[in-house]
Amino acid sequence: MSVHAPAAVRRERDSLGEYDVPVMAYYGVHTARALDNFPISGIAVSTYPEFVDALAAVKQAAAQANNELGLLDDARAHAIIAACNEIRSGQLHDQFVVDVIQGGAGTSTNMNANEVIANRALELMGHQPGDYHWLNPLEHVNRGQSTNDVYPTAIKVALQVQIRKLHGTLLEVADAFGRKSTEFASVLKMGRTQLQDAVPMTLGQEFSTYAVMMAEDADRLLEAALLVSEINLGGTAIGTGLNTHPRYAALVCEKLVGIAGFPLSTAGNLVEATQDVGAFVQLSGVLKRTALKLSKICNDLRLLSSGPRSGFNEINLPAMQAGSSIMPGKVNPVIPEVVNQVAFEIAGNDVTISMAAEAGQLQLNAFEPIIAHCLFQSLTHLDAACQTLVHRCISGITANRERLYESVTNSIGVITALSPYIGYAASARIAKTALRTARSIPELVIEDGLLTAEQVDRLLAPEALIRPSERISIDTAVEVIPEKKKALP
């Protein structure tokens, strides 16, 4: 005999028959079946609160529109609206229990929302959950709707919220790099191409590029947001608007805009909008672009901070944790590393979204659940990664100024700045000699009589190296005697 008392249940009925539902649950029979049908990821819809809020916003807009059109009486409309407001304030999110990865093009999620809203509305009306004679999840909460217009509309509303949040975070990243650019404006260093010494620059210039890269992608993100502001709500099953009032599509969009607080528009062709997921593909591509650029920046930070004694050792990343269980004192670049991994995940999500978009058939894409999951995950994780990078890495970066200055003075690359004055052949010969003998470029140029010490100092002054517009004219800077230019041996 079991020592545990049987769980209290209520019995509900759908078109397939009867099914037990936990008596305390606000969800109903359709959700209960989905819990058994889709034990896939273990990630519930409630993991993405913006999505739950968006579902409630769509249902609230529908109730308002149907009430105004005389299709839903005041008592039921007010109860539904009140339940939706509670959900949008953070209540009942734990009742959105279906797995984010599900068959049925999102039907289980739509039904989960319908049932939770209906049962809470029933309570507000003084009735028991499951007593659908008074207010029905399908007849009233879902009136004038289909999963095929509710689900993608809710996805887009949730995405708008997440996009705006990530946009602000990307600007924070750009601003953090911008502050470091100012801090390091006078720190001279060697630039590199293909990991080989190139020409001098400042550490400030290096960090300024990261600021520009992130600010540009913040702009690209807003452009993508415009594409996901067009909704198909009112199209019902395939976009023809079957079972809706002629004014419903325009009115429900107007109501949803008022609830959501940002611009949305009804698609010009609802049949097209119901089957086309191109906006999701575009957004995913922008997220991948941003993630990969950020990952490249993190690769740079790891490389520039490598060492501390046998690597580049040009900058110091703030120490966040002990780096090894066997090597005492080792500290690793763990924050850039975690950002790299988020970028890999987002690139993988983009592949999944691409495949799901291509797999759509005829009037509907049945794979929007995995598209939504991947987009929400990419946006959420990228935002968290950016916040972590700003507060636990960028803000604490310092420069090893002496090491950087030494790298310039000992570099072969500074010969490039002298090449216009002494010629390419002589420059190449001097560079080879410097590399072979470990002597400095200025020393060899002066020794060969190609330039005077004063001329070398002027041409290799920091301001001349890093700001080409301020370099002195070739015609007036030096006068090089032709016979002093030596050819390569």
Protein backbone atom coordinates (compact mmCIF):
# COMPACT_ATOMS: atom_id res chain seq x y z
CA MET A 1 0.00 0.00 0.00
CA SER A 2 1.36 3.42 -1.00
CA VAL A 3 2.16 5.84 1.80
CA HIS A 4 1.39 8.73 -0.53
CA ALA A 5 -2.17 9.95 -0.96
CA PRO A 6 -3.28 10.07 -4.59
CA ALA A 7 -3.01 13.49 -6.18
CA ALA A 8 -6.31 15.32 -6.33
CA VAL A 9 -7.52 15.72 -9.90
CA ARG A 10 -10.46 17.06 -11.82
CA ARG A 11 -11.64 15.40 -14.98
CA GLU A 12 -11.97 17.49 -18.13
CA ARG A 13 -13.12 16.55 -21.62
CA ASP A 14 -11.90 17.48 -25.10
CA SER A 15 -12.63 16.10 -28.57
CA LEU A 16 -10.49 13.02 -27.83
CA GLY A 17 -12.28 12.13 -24.59
CA GLU A 18 -11.72 12.62 -20.88
CA TYR A 19 -8.41 13.41 -19.18
CA ASP A 20 -7.31 14.08 -15.62
CA VAL A 21 -5.99 17.49 -14.66
CA PRO A 22 -4.47 18.44 -11.26
CA VAL A 23 -7.28 20.02 -9.29
CA MET A 24 -5.20 23.06 -8.33
CA ALA A 25 -3.98 23.71 -11.88
CA TYR A 26 -5.18 26.69 -13.86
CA TYR A 27 -4.38 24.90 -17.10
CA GLY A 28 -6.77 22.29 -18.50
CA VAL A 29 -7.10 19.16 -20.58
CA HIS A 30 -5.27 20.34 -23.70
CA THR A 31 -2.28 21.44 -21.66
CA ALA A 32 -2.29 18.20 -19.65
CA ARG A 33 -2.15 16.16 -22.85
CA ALA A 34 0.72 18.34 -24.14
CA LEU A 35 2.70 17.72 -20.96
CA ASP A 36 2.52 13.99 -21.64
CA ASN A 37 3.06 14.33 -25.40
CA PHE A 38 6.12 16.60 -25.40
CA PRO A 39 8.62 15.73 -22.66
CA ILE A 40 11.38 17.07 -24.94
CA SER A 41 13.60 19.82 -23.57
CA GLY A 42 12.38 20.23 -20.02
CA ILE A 43 12.18 23.96 -20.76
CA ALA A 44 8.71 25.34 -20.13
CA VAL A 45 7.18 28.26 -21.99
CA SER A 46 7.38 30.22 -18.73
CA THR A 47 11.19 30.26 -19.11
CA TYR A 48 10.59 33.23 -21.41
CA PRO A 49 8.39 35.61 -19.37
CA GLU A 50 8.20 38.13 -22.22
CA PHE A 51 6.48 35.42 -24.29
CA VAL A 52 3.94 34.64 -21.56
CA ASP A 53 3.22 38.35 -21.22
CA ALA A 54 2.86 38.62 -25.00
CA LEU A 55 0.35 35.75 -25.11
CA ALA A 56 -1.70 37.50 -22.43
CA ALA A 57 -1.48 40.78 -24.33
CA VAL A 58 -2.80 39.14 -27.51
CA LYS A 59 -5.69 37.51 -25.64
CA GLN A 60 -6.50 40.78 -23.91
CA ALA A 61 -6.53 42.67 -27.21
CA ALA A 62 -8.82 40.02 -28.71
CA ALA A 63 -11.24 40.27 -25.79
CA GLN A 64 -11.33 44.05 -26.06
CA ALA A 65 -11.92 43.94 -29.82
CA ASN A 66 -14.61 41.25 -29.60
CA ASN A 67 -16.35 43.14 -26.82
CA GLU A 68 -16.34 46.38 -28.80
CA LEU A 69 -17.72 44.53 -31.83
CA GLY A 70 -20.54 43.04 -29.73
CA LEU A 71 -19.20 39.49 -30.02
CA LEU A 72 -18.28 39.03 -26.34
CA ASP A 73 -20.46 40.22 -23.46
CA ASP A 74 -19.17 42.63 -20.85
CA ALA A 75 -18.99 40.15 -17.95
CA ARG A 76 -16.85 37.62 -19.80
CA ALA A 77 -14.74 40.29 -21.51
CA HIS A 78 -13.96 42.05 -18.24
CA ALA A 79 -13.03 38.78 -16.52
CA ILE A 80 -10.73 37.76 -19.39
CA ILE A 81 -9.09 41.20 -19.45
CA ALA A 82 -8.57 41.12 -15.68
CA ALA A 83 -6.96 37.67 -15.88
CA CYS A 84 -4.68 38.85 -18.69
CA ASN A 85 -3.65 41.89 -16.68
CA GLU A 86 -2.70 39.63 -13.77
CA ILE A 87 -0.55 37.48 -16.02
CA ARG A 88 1.11 40.53 -17.53
CA SER A 89 1.93 41.69 -14.00
CA GLY A 90 3.85 38.46 -13.40
CA GLN A 91 1.16 36.26 -11.85
CA LEU A 92 0.35 32.69 -12.94
CA HIS A 93 3.49 32.34 -15.05
CA ASP A 94 4.15 29.00 -13.35
CA GLN A 95 0.99 27.70 -15.03
CA PHE A 96 2.50 28.05 -18.50
CA VAL A 97 3.99 24.59 -18.37
CA VAL A 98 4.11 23.16 -21.90
CA ASP A 99 7.51 22.43 -23.40
CA VAL A 100 8.85 25.13 -25.72
CA ILE A 101 9.59 22.42 -28.31
CA GLN A 102 6.28 20.91 -29.37
CA GLY A 103 4.44 19.58 -32.38
CA GLY A 104 1.34 21.29 -33.67
CA ALA A 105 2.74 24.67 -34.76
CA GLY A 106 2.29 26.11 -31.25
CA THR A 107 -1.24 24.83 -30.58
CA SER A 108 -0.28 23.53 -27.14
CA THR A 109 1.07 26.93 -26.13
CA ASN A 110 -2.05 28.71 -27.39
CA MET A 111 -4.27 26.25 -25.54
CA ASN A 112 -2.18 26.61 -22.37
CA ALA A 113 -2.82 30.36 -22.53
CA ASN A 114 -6.53 29.92 -23.29
CA GLU A 115 -7.02 27.56 -20.35
CA VAL A 116 -5.07 29.52 -17.75
CA ILE A 117 -6.85 32.73 -18.70
CA ALA A 118 -10.26 31.01 -18.75
CA ASN A 119 -9.85 29.33 -15.37
CA ARG A 120 -8.59 32.47 -13.67
CA ALA A 121 -11.44 34.44 -15.27
CA LEU A 122 -13.90 31.85 -13.96
CA GLU A 123 -12.56 32.40 -10.45
CA LEU A 124 -12.95 36.13 -10.84
CA MET A 125 -16.57 35.54 -11.90
CA GLY A 126 -17.20 33.37 -8.81
CA HIS A 127 -17.01 29.96 -10.48
CA GLN A 128 -14.74 26.93 -10.19
CA PRO A 129 -11.85 26.19 -12.60
CA GLY A 130 -13.04 23.77 -15.24
CA ASP A 131 -16.63 24.97 -15.08
CA TYR A 132 -16.50 26.01 -18.72
CA HIS A 133 -20.27 26.41 -19.05
CA TRP A 134 -19.83 29.98 -17.82
CA LEU A 135 -16.69 30.87 -19.72
CA ASN A 136 -14.94 28.59 -22.23
CA PRO A 137 -11.27 28.62 -23.28
CA LEU A 138 -12.17 28.05 -26.93
CA GLU A 139 -15.53 29.74 -27.30
CA HIS A 140 -14.63 32.93 -25.45
CA VAL A 141 -10.89 33.37 -24.74
CA ASN A 142 -9.96 32.15 -28.24
CA ARG A 143 -12.85 33.85 -30.07
CA GLY A 144 -11.90 35.09 -33.53
CA GLN A 145 -8.47 33.49 -33.24
CA SER A 146 -6.37 30.55 -34.35
CA THR A 147 -3.03 29.31 -33.10
CA ASN A 148 -1.75 30.26 -36.54
CA ASP A 149 -2.24 33.98 -35.96
CA VAL A 150 -2.02 34.14 -32.15
CA TYR A 151 1.26 32.24 -31.81
CA PRO A 152 3.39 34.15 -34.36
CA THR A 153 1.92 37.46 -33.19
CA ALA A 154 2.84 36.69 -29.58
CA ILE A 155 6.33 35.68 -30.70
CA LYS A 156 6.78 39.02 -32.45
CA VAL A 157 5.50 41.01 -29.48
CA ALA A 158 7.91 39.16 -27.18
CA LEU A 159 10.76 39.67 -29.63
CA GLN A 160 10.12 43.42 -29.71
CA VAL A 161 10.59 43.54 -25.93
CA GLN A 162 13.76 41.45 -26.04
CA ILE A 163 15.19 43.35 -29.00
CA ARG A 164 14.76 46.68 -27.24
CA LYS A 165 16.52 45.31 -24.18
CA LEU A 166 19.43 43.91 -26.21
CA HIS A 167 19.71 47.16 -28.18
CA GLY A 168 20.28 49.07 -24.96
CA THR A 169 22.83 46.51 -23.81
CA LEU A 170 24.78 46.69 -27.08
CA LEU A 171 25.00 50.44 -26.64
CA GLU A 172 26.38 49.80 -23.15
CA VAL A 173 29.06 47.57 -24.66
CA ALA A 174 29.90 50.22 -27.25
CA ASP A 175 30.05 52.89 -24.53
CA ALA A 176 32.33 50.73 -22.35
CA PHE A 177 34.75 50.23 -25.23
CA GLY A 178 34.48 53.95 -26.02
CA ARG A 179 35.54 54.87 -22.49
CA LYS A 180 38.54 52.55 -22.75
CA SER A 181 39.38 54.12 -26.12
CA THR A 182 39.59 57.52 -24.43
CA GLU A 183 41.58 56.13 -21.52
CA PHE A 184 44.12 54.50 -23.87
CA ALA A 185 44.23 57.32 -26.45
CA SER A 186 47.92 58.09 -25.89
CA VAL A 187 49.16 54.51 -25.46
CA LEU A 188 51.33 53.66 -28.47
CA LYS A 189 51.52 50.04 -29.63
CA MET A 190 52.17 47.93 -32.70
CA GLY A 191 49.28 47.01 -34.92
CA ARG A 192 49.30 43.54 -36.43
CA THR A 193 48.03 41.89 -39.56
CA GLN A 194 48.04 38.10 -39.84
CA LEU A 195 49.58 38.10 -36.35
CA GLN A 196 52.71 39.75 -37.72
CA ASP A 197 53.95 43.24 -36.81
CA ALA A 198 52.37 45.83 -39.09
CA VAL A 199 52.53 49.55 -38.26
CA PRO A 200 52.12 51.55 -35.04
CA MET A 201 48.77 52.63 -33.68
CA THR A 202 47.37 53.42 -30.26
CA LEU A 203 45.58 51.09 -27.92
CA GLY A 204 42.83 53.70 -27.96
CA GLN A 205 42.41 53.27 -31.71
CA GLU A 206 42.21 49.52 -31.23
CA PHE A 207 39.44 49.82 -28.65
CA SER A 208 37.61 52.48 -30.65
CA THR A 209 37.03 49.94 -33.41
CA TYR A 210 35.24 47.69 -30.93
CA ALA A 211 33.00 50.58 -29.90
CA VAL A 212 32.09 51.30 -33.52
CA MET A 213 31.45 47.61 -34.29
CA MET A 214 28.96 47.24 -31.45
CA ALA A 215 27.21 50.57 -32.11
CA GLU A 216 26.73 49.60 -35.76
CA ASP A 217 25.16 46.29 -34.79
CA ALA A 218 22.83 48.02 -32.37
CA ASP A 219 21.52 49.94 -35.41
CA ARG A 220 21.20 46.72 -37.45
CA LEU A 221 19.16 45.21 -34.63
CA LEU A 222 16.62 48.04 -34.78
CA GLU A 223 16.33 47.54 -38.55
CA ALA A 224 15.51 43.88 -37.96
CA ALA A 225 12.95 44.88 -35.33
CA LEU A 226 10.96 46.73 -38.00
CA LEU A 227 10.49 43.46 -39.89
CA VAL A 228 9.01 41.72 -36.86
CA SER A 229 6.54 44.51 -36.17
CA GLU A 230 4.19 43.30 -38.90
CA ILE A 231 1.63 40.81 -37.53
CA ASN A 232 -0.98 38.47 -38.98
CA LEU A 233 -3.46 38.67 -36.08
CA GLY A 234 -6.96 38.43 -37.52
CA GLY A 235 -5.92 36.04 -40.27
CA THR A 236 -7.02 33.01 -38.20
CA ALA A 237 -6.18 29.60 -39.72
CA ILE A 238 -4.48 30.44 -43.02
CA GLY A 239 -4.85 34.21 -43.37
CA THR A 240 -8.32 34.43 -44.90
CA GLY A 241 -9.82 35.74 -41.65
CA LEU A 242 -12.45 33.00 -41.44
CA ASN A 243 -14.77 33.38 -38.40
CA THR A 244 -13.82 37.00 -37.71
CA HIS A 245 -15.76 40.25 -37.98
CA PRO A 246 -14.79 42.38 -41.01
CA ARG A 247 -13.41 45.07 -38.68
CA TYR A 248 -11.69 42.66 -36.33
CA ALA A 249 -8.16 42.50 -37.80
CA ALA A 250 -7.65 46.26 -37.80
CA LEU A 251 -9.31 46.71 -34.40
CA VAL A 252 -7.40 43.93 -32.62
CA CYS A 253 -4.11 45.35 -33.91
CA GLU A 254 -5.06 48.77 -32.58
CA LYS A 255 -5.90 47.27 -29.19
CA LEU A 256 -2.65 45.29 -29.10
CA VAL A 257 -0.59 48.39 -29.87
CA GLY A 258 -2.26 50.14 -26.94
CA ILE A 259 -1.43 47.25 -24.62
CA ALA A 260 2.10 46.56 -25.85
CA GLY A 261 3.15 50.19 -26.09
CA PHE A 262 5.11 50.00 -29.33
CA PRO A 263 4.20 50.15 -33.04
CA LEU A 264 2.72 47.11 -34.76
CA SER A 265 0.95 46.85 -38.09
CA THR A 266 -1.36 44.36 -39.76
CA ALA A 267 0.24 42.67 -42.76
CA GLY A 268 -1.10 43.73 -46.12
CA ASN A 269 -1.54 40.09 -47.17
CA LEU A 270 -2.49 37.91 -44.24
CA VAL A 271 -2.23 34.68 -46.22
CA GLU A 272 1.40 35.50 -47.02
CA ALA A 273 2.12 36.65 -43.47
CA THR A 274 0.73 33.43 -41.99
CA GLN A 275 3.17 31.22 -43.86
CA ASP A 276 6.24 33.44 -44.28
CA VAL A 277 8.84 33.39 -41.48
CA GLY A 278 11.42 35.45 -43.34
CA ALA A 279 11.45 38.14 -40.65
CA PHE A 280 12.57 35.55 -38.12
CA VAL A 281 15.36 34.42 -40.45
CA GLN A 282 16.49 38.03 -40.90
CA LEU A 283 16.53 38.68 -37.17
CA SER A 284 18.47 35.48 -36.55
CA GLY A 285 21.04 36.55 -39.14
CA VAL A 286 21.53 39.89 -37.40
CA LEU A 287 21.95 38.15 -34.04
CA LYS A 288 24.52 35.81 -35.56
CA ARG A 289 26.38 38.76 -37.10
CA THR A 290 26.50 40.55 -33.75
CA ALA A 291 27.52 37.43 -31.86
CA LEU A 292 30.33 36.58 -34.27
CA LYS A 293 31.71 40.12 -34.20
CA LEU A 294 31.59 40.10 -30.42
CA SER A 295 33.32 36.73 -30.39
CA LYS A 296 36.08 38.11 -32.61
CA ILE A 297 36.55 40.98 -30.15
CA CYS A 298 36.77 38.49 -27.29
CA ASN A 299 39.37 36.51 -29.25
CA ASP A 300 41.39 39.74 -29.49
CA LEU A 301 41.06 40.40 -25.76
CA ARG A 302 42.26 36.88 -24.95
CA LEU A 303 45.18 37.20 -27.34
CA LEU A 304 46.24 40.69 -26.21
CA SER A 305 46.14 39.57 -22.57
CA SER A 306 47.92 36.25 -23.19
CA GLY A 307 50.89 35.41 -21.04
CA PRO A 308 51.44 37.02 -18.67
CA ARG A 309 55.13 36.51 -19.47
CA SER A 310 55.27 34.30 -22.53
CA GLY A 311 52.40 35.85 -24.47
CA PHE A 312 51.47 39.28 -25.84
CA ASN A 313 50.86 40.69 -22.35
CA GLU A 314 49.71 44.04 -23.77
CA ILE A 315 46.60 44.37 -21.62
CA ASN A 316 45.38 42.91 -18.34
CA LEU A 317 41.88 41.51 -17.98
CA PRO A 318 40.42 41.64 -14.48
CA ALA A 319 40.99 38.40 -12.58
CA MET A 320 37.64 36.73 -11.92
CA GLN A 321 38.55 33.33 -10.49
CA ALA A 322 41.39 30.88 -9.99
CA GLY A 323 42.22 29.34 -13.34
CA SER A 324 43.49 25.91 -12.51
CA SER A 325 43.20 23.10 -10.01
CA ILE A 326 46.81 22.07 -10.68
CA MET A 327 48.67 25.26 -11.68
CA PRO A 328 48.81 27.66 -8.71
CA GLY A 329 48.36 31.33 -9.54
CA LYS A 330 47.03 30.72 -13.04
CA VAL A 331 44.22 33.06 -14.09
CA ASN A 332 42.23 32.49 -17.27
CA PRO A 333 40.18 34.88 -19.48
CA VAL A 334 36.92 33.26 -18.40
CA ILE A 335 34.61 36.14 -19.29
CA PRO A 336 35.64 36.39 -22.96
CA GLU A 337 35.51 32.59 -23.08
CA VAL A 338 31.88 32.46 -21.97
CA VAL A 339 30.98 35.12 -24.54
CA ASN A 340 32.68 33.01 -27.22
CA GLN A 341 30.51 30.05 -26.25
CA VAL A 342 27.32 32.08 -26.44
CA ALA A 343 28.36 33.13 -29.94
CA PHE A 344 28.82 29.49 -30.94
CA GLU A 345 25.34 28.73 -29.60
CA ILE A 346 23.79 31.61 -31.54
CA ALA A 347 25.47 30.47 -34.76
CA GLY A 348 23.99 27.02 -34.18
CA ASN A 349 20.57 28.49 -33.47
CA ASP A 350 20.76 30.35 -36.77
CA VAL A 351 21.28 27.06 -38.61
CA THR A 352 18.25 25.56 -36.81
CA ILE A 353 16.09 28.57 -37.68
CA SER A 354 17.20 28.41 -41.31
CA MET A 355 16.25 24.74 -41.57
CA ALA A 356 12.91 25.30 -39.83
CA ALA A 357 12.08 28.21 -42.14
CA GLU A 358 12.86 26.17 -45.25
CA ALA A 359 10.73 23.25 -44.01
CA GLY A 360 7.47 25.20 -44.05
CA GLN A 361 4.79 23.82 -46.34
CA LEU A 362 1.99 25.54 -48.19
CA GLN A 363 -0.08 27.88 -45.96
CA LEU A 364 1.71 27.35 -42.63
CA ASN A 365 5.12 26.78 -41.13
CA ALA A 366 4.61 24.13 -38.45
CA PHE A 367 8.05 24.66 -36.96
CA GLU A 368 7.64 28.06 -35.35
CA PRO A 369 8.06 26.59 -31.84
CA ILE A 370 11.73 25.75 -32.46
CA ILE A 371 12.20 29.09 -34.26
CA ALA A 372 10.76 30.93 -31.27
CA HIS A 373 12.84 28.94 -28.78
CA CYS A 374 16.06 29.60 -30.70
CA LEU A 375 15.36 33.32 -31.11
CA PHE A 376 14.39 33.81 -27.47
CA GLN A 377 17.43 31.84 -26.36
CA SER A 378 19.78 33.79 -28.64
CA LEU A 379 18.43 37.16 -27.51
CA THR A 380 18.40 36.23 -23.82
CA HIS A 381 21.87 34.69 -23.78
CA LEU A 382 23.45 37.40 -25.92
CA ASP A 383 22.07 40.09 -23.65
CA ALA A 384 23.39 38.29 -20.56
CA ALA A 385 26.78 37.72 -22.20
CA CYS A 386 27.08 41.40 -23.12
CA GLN A 387 26.15 42.52 -19.62
CA THR A 388 28.74 40.14 -18.18
CA LEU A 389 31.40 41.35 -20.59
CA VAL A 390 30.81 45.00 -19.70
CA HIS A 391 30.70 44.67 -15.94
CA ARG A 392 33.15 41.82 -15.36
CA CYS A 393 35.72 42.42 -18.06
CA ILE A 394 35.81 45.62 -20.15
CA SER A 395 35.43 48.04 -17.26
CA GLY A 396 38.47 46.55 -15.50
CA ILE A 397 40.91 46.29 -18.42
CA THR A 398 44.28 47.96 -17.89
CA ALA A 399 47.21 48.54 -20.26
CA ASN A 400 50.80 47.40 -19.85
CA ARG A 401 52.14 50.70 -21.13
CA GLU A 402 55.87 49.96 -20.88
CA ARG A 403 55.48 46.65 -22.66
CA LEU A 404 53.51 48.35 -25.43
CA TYR A 405 56.05 51.14 -25.86
CA GLU A 406 58.89 48.63 -25.96
CA SER A 407 57.09 46.67 -28.68
CA VAL A 408 57.05 49.79 -30.87
CA THR A 409 60.64 50.85 -30.30
CA ASN A 410 61.93 47.33 -30.98
CA SER A 411 59.63 46.65 -33.90
CA ILE A 412 60.75 46.07 -37.47
CA GLY A 413 57.39 47.47 -38.56
CA VAL A 414 58.36 51.10 -38.00
CA ILE A 415 60.45 50.90 -41.17
CA THR A 416 57.18 51.35 -43.07
CA ALA A 417 57.00 54.93 -41.80
CA LEU A 418 60.46 55.64 -43.22
CA SER A 419 59.98 53.84 -46.54
CA PRO A 420 58.60 56.89 -48.43
CA TYR A 421 61.80 58.78 -47.57
CA ILE A 422 64.52 56.18 -48.03
CA GLY A 423 62.87 53.95 -50.62
CA TYR A 424 61.38 50.47 -50.53
CA ALA A 425 64.61 48.63 -51.40
CA ALA A 426 66.65 50.34 -48.70
CA SER A 427 63.82 49.83 -46.21
CA ALA A 428 63.69 46.11 -46.92
CA ARG A 429 67.47 45.82 -46.53
CA ILE A 430 67.42 47.70 -43.21
CA ALA A 431 64.52 45.55 -41.94
CA LYS A 432 66.41 42.34 -42.74
CA THR A 433 69.55 43.63 -41.03
CA ALA A 434 67.62 44.68 -37.94
CA LEU A 435 65.98 41.27 -37.71
CA ARG A 436 69.31 39.45 -38.16
CA THR A 437 71.34 41.59 -35.75
CA ALA A 438 68.66 42.51 -33.15
CA ARG A 439 69.58 46.19 -33.65
CA SER A 440 66.96 48.93 -33.90
CA ILE A 441 65.61 50.42 -37.13
CA PRO A 442 66.49 54.06 -36.21
CA GLU A 443 70.04 53.06 -35.32
CA LEU A 444 70.65 51.33 -38.66
CA VAL A 445 69.03 54.09 -40.75
CA ILE A 446 71.20 56.75 -39.09
CA GLU A 447 74.32 54.60 -39.30
CA ASP A 448 73.81 54.12 -43.05
CA GLY A 449 73.46 57.88 -43.50
CA LEU A 450 70.00 57.55 -44.98
CA LEU A 451 68.49 60.02 -42.52
CA THR A 452 69.75 62.16 -39.68
CA ALA A 453 68.85 61.48 -36.07
CA GLU A 454 66.68 64.59 -36.03
CA GLN A 455 64.82 63.47 -39.13
CA VAL A 456 64.23 59.99 -37.73
CA ASP A 457 62.91 61.47 -34.49
CA ARG A 458 60.49 63.67 -36.41
CA LEU A 459 59.25 60.87 -38.67
CA LEU A 460 58.87 58.35 -35.86
CA ALA A 461 57.24 60.73 -33.39
CA PRO A 462 54.03 59.18 -32.01
CA GLU A 463 51.78 61.84 -33.54
CA ALA A 464 53.33 61.24 -36.95
CA LEU A 465 52.87 57.47 -36.68
CA ILE A 466 49.26 57.32 -35.55
CA ARG A 467 47.71 60.33 -37.29
CA PRO A 468 48.71 60.25 -40.97
CA SER A 469 46.94 63.55 -41.66
CA GLU A 470 49.46 65.26 -39.38
CA ARG A 471 52.54 63.69 -40.96
CA ILE A 472 55.00 66.18 -42.39
CA SER A 473 55.20 66.43 -46.14
CA ILE A 474 57.68 64.21 -47.95
CA ASP A 475 58.81 67.24 -49.93
CA THR A 476 59.68 69.32 -46.88
CA ALA A 477 60.55 66.79 -44.22
CA VAL A 478 63.81 65.40 -45.50
CA GLU A 479 66.01 65.55 -48.52
CA VAL A 480 67.41 62.12 -49.28
CA ILE A 481 70.59 61.89 -51.37
CA PRO A 482 69.84 59.42 -54.21
CA GLU A 483 73.19 57.66 -53.99
CA LYS A 484 72.55 56.90 -50.33
CA LYS A 485 69.61 54.62 -51.29
CA LYS A 486 71.01 51.12 -51.46
CA ALA A 487 69.58 48.30 -53.50
CA LEU A 488 68.83 44.86 -52.15
CA PRO A 489 71.82 42.52 -52.43
